[in-house]
Protein backbone atom coordinates (compact mmCIF):
# COMPACT_ATOMS: atom_id res chain seq x y z
CA MET A 1 -0.07 -0.11 0.16
CA LYS A 2 2.87 2.37 1.00
CA GLN A 3 4.67 1.56 -2.34
CA GLN A 4 1.64 2.14 -4.17
CA ARG A 5 1.01 5.50 -2.89
CA ILE A 6 4.86 6.54 -3.31
CA GLY A 7 4.31 5.49 -7.01
CA MET A 8 1.11 7.65 -7.33
CA ILE A 9 2.94 10.61 -5.92
CA TRP A 10 5.87 10.41 -8.25
CA LEU A 11 3.33 9.79 -11.36
CA VAL A 12 1.53 13.04 -10.26
CA ILE A 13 5.05 14.92 -9.98
CA VAL A 14 6.05 13.59 -13.58
CA MET A 15 2.82 14.83 -15.10
CA VAL A 16 2.96 18.32 -13.43
CA THR A 17 6.60 18.73 -14.70
CA VAL A 18 5.50 17.74 -18.23
CA MET A 19 2.66 20.32 -18.23
CA ILE A 20 4.82 23.09 -16.75
CA MET A 21 7.53 22.42 -19.70
CA ALA A 22 4.89 22.18 -22.17
CA ALA A 23 3.54 25.79 -20.94
CA CYS A 24 6.92 27.29 -20.87
CA GLY A 25 7.50 26.19 -24.51
CA SER A 26 4.44 28.11 -25.95
CA LYS A 27 2.88 31.47 -25.76
CA PRO A 28 -0.87 31.87 -25.52
CA ASP A 29 -2.51 33.60 -28.12
CA GLY A 30 -5.55 34.85 -26.06
CA ASN A 31 -7.94 32.40 -27.72
CA GLY A 32 -7.23 29.35 -25.91
CA GLY A 33 -4.60 28.29 -28.52
CA GLU A 34 -0.89 28.67 -28.62
CA ASP A 35 1.48 30.55 -30.77
CA THR A 36 4.77 29.41 -31.94
CA TYR A 37 7.48 31.77 -33.19
CA PRO A 38 9.83 30.09 -36.06
CA MET A 39 13.25 30.74 -35.87
CA PRO A 40 14.47 32.95 -38.83
CA THR A 41 16.24 31.20 -41.64
CA ILE A 42 20.07 31.64 -42.25
CA GLN A 43 19.08 34.00 -45.22
CA GLU A 44 16.66 35.96 -43.05
CA GLU A 45 19.59 36.39 -40.60
CA CYS A 46 21.59 37.77 -43.35
CA MET A 47 19.34 40.23 -44.45
CA ASN A 48 18.66 41.34 -40.98
CA HIS A 49 22.59 41.68 -40.40
CA LEU A 50 22.73 43.77 -43.79
CA TYR A 51 19.73 46.15 -42.33
CA ASP A 52 21.52 46.56 -39.15
CA VAL A 53 24.90 47.46 -40.74
CA LEU A 54 23.23 50.06 -43.25
CA MET A 55 21.03 51.62 -40.26
CA SER A 56 24.31 52.01 -38.17
CA PRO A 57 26.08 55.38 -38.28
CA GLU A 58 28.95 53.72 -39.64
CA GLY A 59 26.83 51.95 -42.30
CA ARG A 60 25.31 55.11 -43.29
CA ALA A 61 28.58 56.63 -44.04
CA MET A 62 30.27 53.54 -45.97
CA THR A 63 31.44 54.22 -49.39
CA GLY A 64 30.56 52.06 -52.40
CA VAL A 65 34.05 50.51 -52.28
CA GLN A 66 33.50 49.50 -48.71
CA LEU A 67 29.96 48.26 -49.09
CA ALA A 68 30.97 46.20 -52.31
CA VAL A 69 33.26 43.79 -50.32
CA LEU A 70 31.21 43.72 -46.90
CA ASN A 71 31.31 40.67 -44.96
CA ASP A 72 30.85 39.51 -41.26
CA THR A 73 33.45 38.19 -38.80
CA GLY A 74 31.13 36.95 -36.39
CA ARG A 75 28.69 33.96 -36.43
CA LEU A 76 27.74 34.71 -40.12
CA ARG A 77 31.25 34.79 -41.37
CA ASN A 78 30.73 31.61 -43.46
CA VAL A 79 27.52 32.90 -44.96
CA PHE A 80 26.97 36.58 -45.12
CA ARG A 81 28.93 38.42 -47.52
CA ILE A 82 28.55 41.29 -50.26
CA ASP A 83 30.78 40.83 -53.32
CA LEU A 84 29.79 43.23 -55.88
CA PRO A 85 31.78 44.72 -58.97
CA VAL A 86 32.83 48.30 -58.56
CA SER A 87 33.04 50.89 -61.48
CA GLU A 88 35.89 53.40 -61.81
CA THR A 89 33.26 56.25 -62.12
CA ASN A 90 30.08 57.11 -60.43
CA GLN A 91 27.97 55.04 -62.48
CA LEU A 92 24.10 55.59 -62.12
CA PRO A 93 21.33 53.68 -63.64
CA ARG A 94 19.46 54.87 -66.57
CA MET A 95 16.05 56.26 -66.11
CA GLY A 96 13.50 53.45 -67.02
CA ILE A 97 13.03 49.67 -66.19
CA TYR A 98 15.49 46.90 -65.30
CA ARG A 99 14.00 43.55 -65.31
CA ALA A 100 15.53 40.42 -63.44
CA VAL A 101 17.02 37.76 -65.73
CA GLY A 102 14.69 34.73 -65.78
CA GLU A 103 11.94 36.70 -63.50
CA GLY A 104 9.34 39.20 -63.42
CA THR A 105 10.71 41.40 -60.67
CA THR A 106 11.54 45.04 -61.88
CA PHE A 107 13.48 48.15 -60.76
CA GLU A 108 12.11 51.30 -62.51
CA PHE A 109 14.17 54.36 -61.82
CA LEU A 110 12.46 57.79 -62.07
CA PRO A 111 13.76 61.47 -61.84
CA LEU A 112 13.01 62.91 -58.44
CA ALA A 113 9.63 64.61 -58.47
CA ALA A 114 10.97 67.85 -56.96
CA GLU A 115 14.04 69.13 -54.92
CA ASP A 116 13.58 68.12 -51.37
CA PRO A 117 14.95 70.82 -48.96
CA LEU A 118 14.96 68.19 -46.27
CA ASP A 119 16.85 65.59 -47.95
CA THR A 120 20.25 65.45 -45.92
CA ILE A 121 21.56 62.33 -47.93
CA TYR A 122 21.03 64.09 -51.52
CA ALA A 123 19.04 61.11 -53.22
CA VAL A 124 20.01 60.91 -56.96
CA CYS A 125 16.60 59.42 -58.21
CA GLN A 126 13.65 57.26 -57.13
CA ALA A 127 13.38 53.44 -57.49
CA ILE A 128 10.13 51.62 -57.70
CA THR A 129 10.33 47.85 -56.97
CA THR A 130 7.82 45.49 -58.37
CA PHE A 131 8.03 42.12 -57.35
CA ASP A 132 7.18 39.10 -59.31
CA ASN A 133 4.18 38.20 -57.08
CA GLU A 134 0.62 39.11 -57.85
CA ASP A 135 -0.17 39.78 -53.94
CA SER A 136 2.77 42.29 -53.73
CA THR A 137 2.45 46.06 -54.33
CA PRO A 138 5.14 48.38 -55.79
CA ASP A 139 7.51 49.94 -53.28
CA THR A 140 8.96 53.49 -53.93
CA LEU A 141 12.25 54.02 -52.56
CA LEU A 142 15.01 56.85 -52.64
CA VAL A 143 18.46 55.94 -54.16
CA HIS A 144 21.46 56.71 -52.20
CA ASN A 145 24.78 57.04 -54.29
CA ARG A 146 27.56 55.50 -52.45
CA GLY A 147 30.07 56.15 -55.28
CA ASN A 148 31.87 53.70 -57.70
CA GLY A 149 28.50 52.55 -59.16
CA ILE A 150 27.35 51.13 -55.80
CA LEU A 151 23.81 52.21 -54.61
CA THR A 152 21.48 51.66 -51.72
CA LEU A 153 17.62 52.30 -51.09
CA PHE A 154 16.08 54.25 -48.41
CA ARG A 155 12.98 56.16 -47.39
CA TYR A 156 12.74 58.65 -44.91
CA VAL A 157 10.49 58.11 -41.74
CA HIS A 158 9.47 60.26 -38.83
CA ARG A 159 9.18 63.26 -40.96
CA GLY A 160 6.66 66.22 -40.81
CA GLY A 161 4.32 64.40 -38.17
CA PRO A 162 0.90 65.82 -37.15
CA ASN A 163 0.25 69.00 -35.38
CA GLY A 164 3.65 70.60 -36.59
CA GLY A 165 5.47 67.73 -35.54
CA LYS A 166 4.92 67.96 -32.01
CA HIS A 167 6.07 64.40 -31.23
CA ARG A 168 9.26 62.97 -29.70
CA CYS A 169 10.29 61.03 -32.80
CA TYR A 170 9.78 64.23 -35.24
CA ASP A 171 11.28 66.44 -32.67
CA LYS A 172 14.46 64.21 -32.74
CA HIS A 173 14.48 64.19 -36.49
CA PRO A 174 12.78 67.14 -37.76
CA ASP A 175 14.11 66.42 -41.39
CA GLY A 176 13.15 62.75 -41.30
CA TYR A 177 15.06 59.71 -40.36
CA PRO A 178 16.59 57.32 -43.16
CA GLU A 179 15.33 53.73 -43.11
CA TYR A 180 17.34 51.56 -45.42
CA SER A 181 16.27 48.55 -47.28
CA SER A 182 18.15 45.27 -47.04
CA VAL A 183 19.82 45.67 -50.52
CA VAL A 184 23.08 46.80 -52.08
CA MET A 185 23.14 47.45 -55.73
CA SER A 186 25.85 47.65 -58.38
CA VAL A 187 25.53 49.43 -61.62
CA PHE A 188 27.76 47.89 -64.45
CA GLN A 189 29.55 50.46 -66.57
CA GLY A 190 27.30 51.73 -69.42
CA ALA A 191 24.22 51.06 -67.27
CA ASP A 192 22.79 48.29 -69.52
CA SER A 193 22.52 46.11 -66.40
CA LEU A 194 22.90 45.89 -62.65
CA ILE A 195 23.35 43.37 -60.08
CA ILE A 196 21.79 43.41 -56.53
CA SER A 197 22.70 41.47 -53.31
CA ARG A 198 20.75 41.17 -50.13
CA GLY A 199 23.87 39.77 -48.05
CA PHE A 200 24.22 36.11 -49.16
CA GLU A 201 25.31 34.49 -52.35
CA GLU A 202 22.01 32.89 -53.33
CA SER A 203 20.26 36.45 -53.36
CA ASP A 204 22.58 37.83 -56.09
CA CYS A 205 20.33 38.62 -59.03
CA VAL A 206 21.27 40.33 -62.43
CA PHE A 207 18.66 42.86 -63.91
CA ARG A 208 18.85 44.03 -67.66
CA TYR A 209 17.68 47.49 -69.02
CA ASP A 210 14.51 47.10 -70.68
CA GLY A 211 13.77 50.59 -71.75
CA GLU A 212 11.71 53.73 -70.59
């Protein structure tokens, strides 16, 4: 009898332990179910790392030559890398559409609509990205010329603001704050084509000029 009672106690302890571990491994979604958060893929980690670099003070000041050979010496050192050709001149893209080789994704470069007195980066043109996905919507960004044919894309956030910008974000950045896209672009000499990288080899993609 005593042994049976001890056995039952141990069974209860084991069951409670399993329930606690299961609860710790999930997050309630508020509807009686459980949400799980998948770990990012190594490609997503590379893109996140590129975003962090471009958004850092050092990254915002990097030249085209520096960005073209960017790599990581930390955990992503065997995966993350930018390896893009550089031009001897500040080669810029032509105005018009560049189409990805073998895909439907495009970059359309357009002149700036008007001079922007608050543009502290001095964007050289606009870039409208259209992805080869019927559910996607075009994304309009500004083009930052890093020199030697290397470009990055960004948009201004926290600009203007309601009620004359009386908000801490707007007060801190009255002229807007640049938010960069996780992409580095290299324009080949002559601007007939360009290549982009998102921080890992498989992301490299060539675009050919398709006209205005």
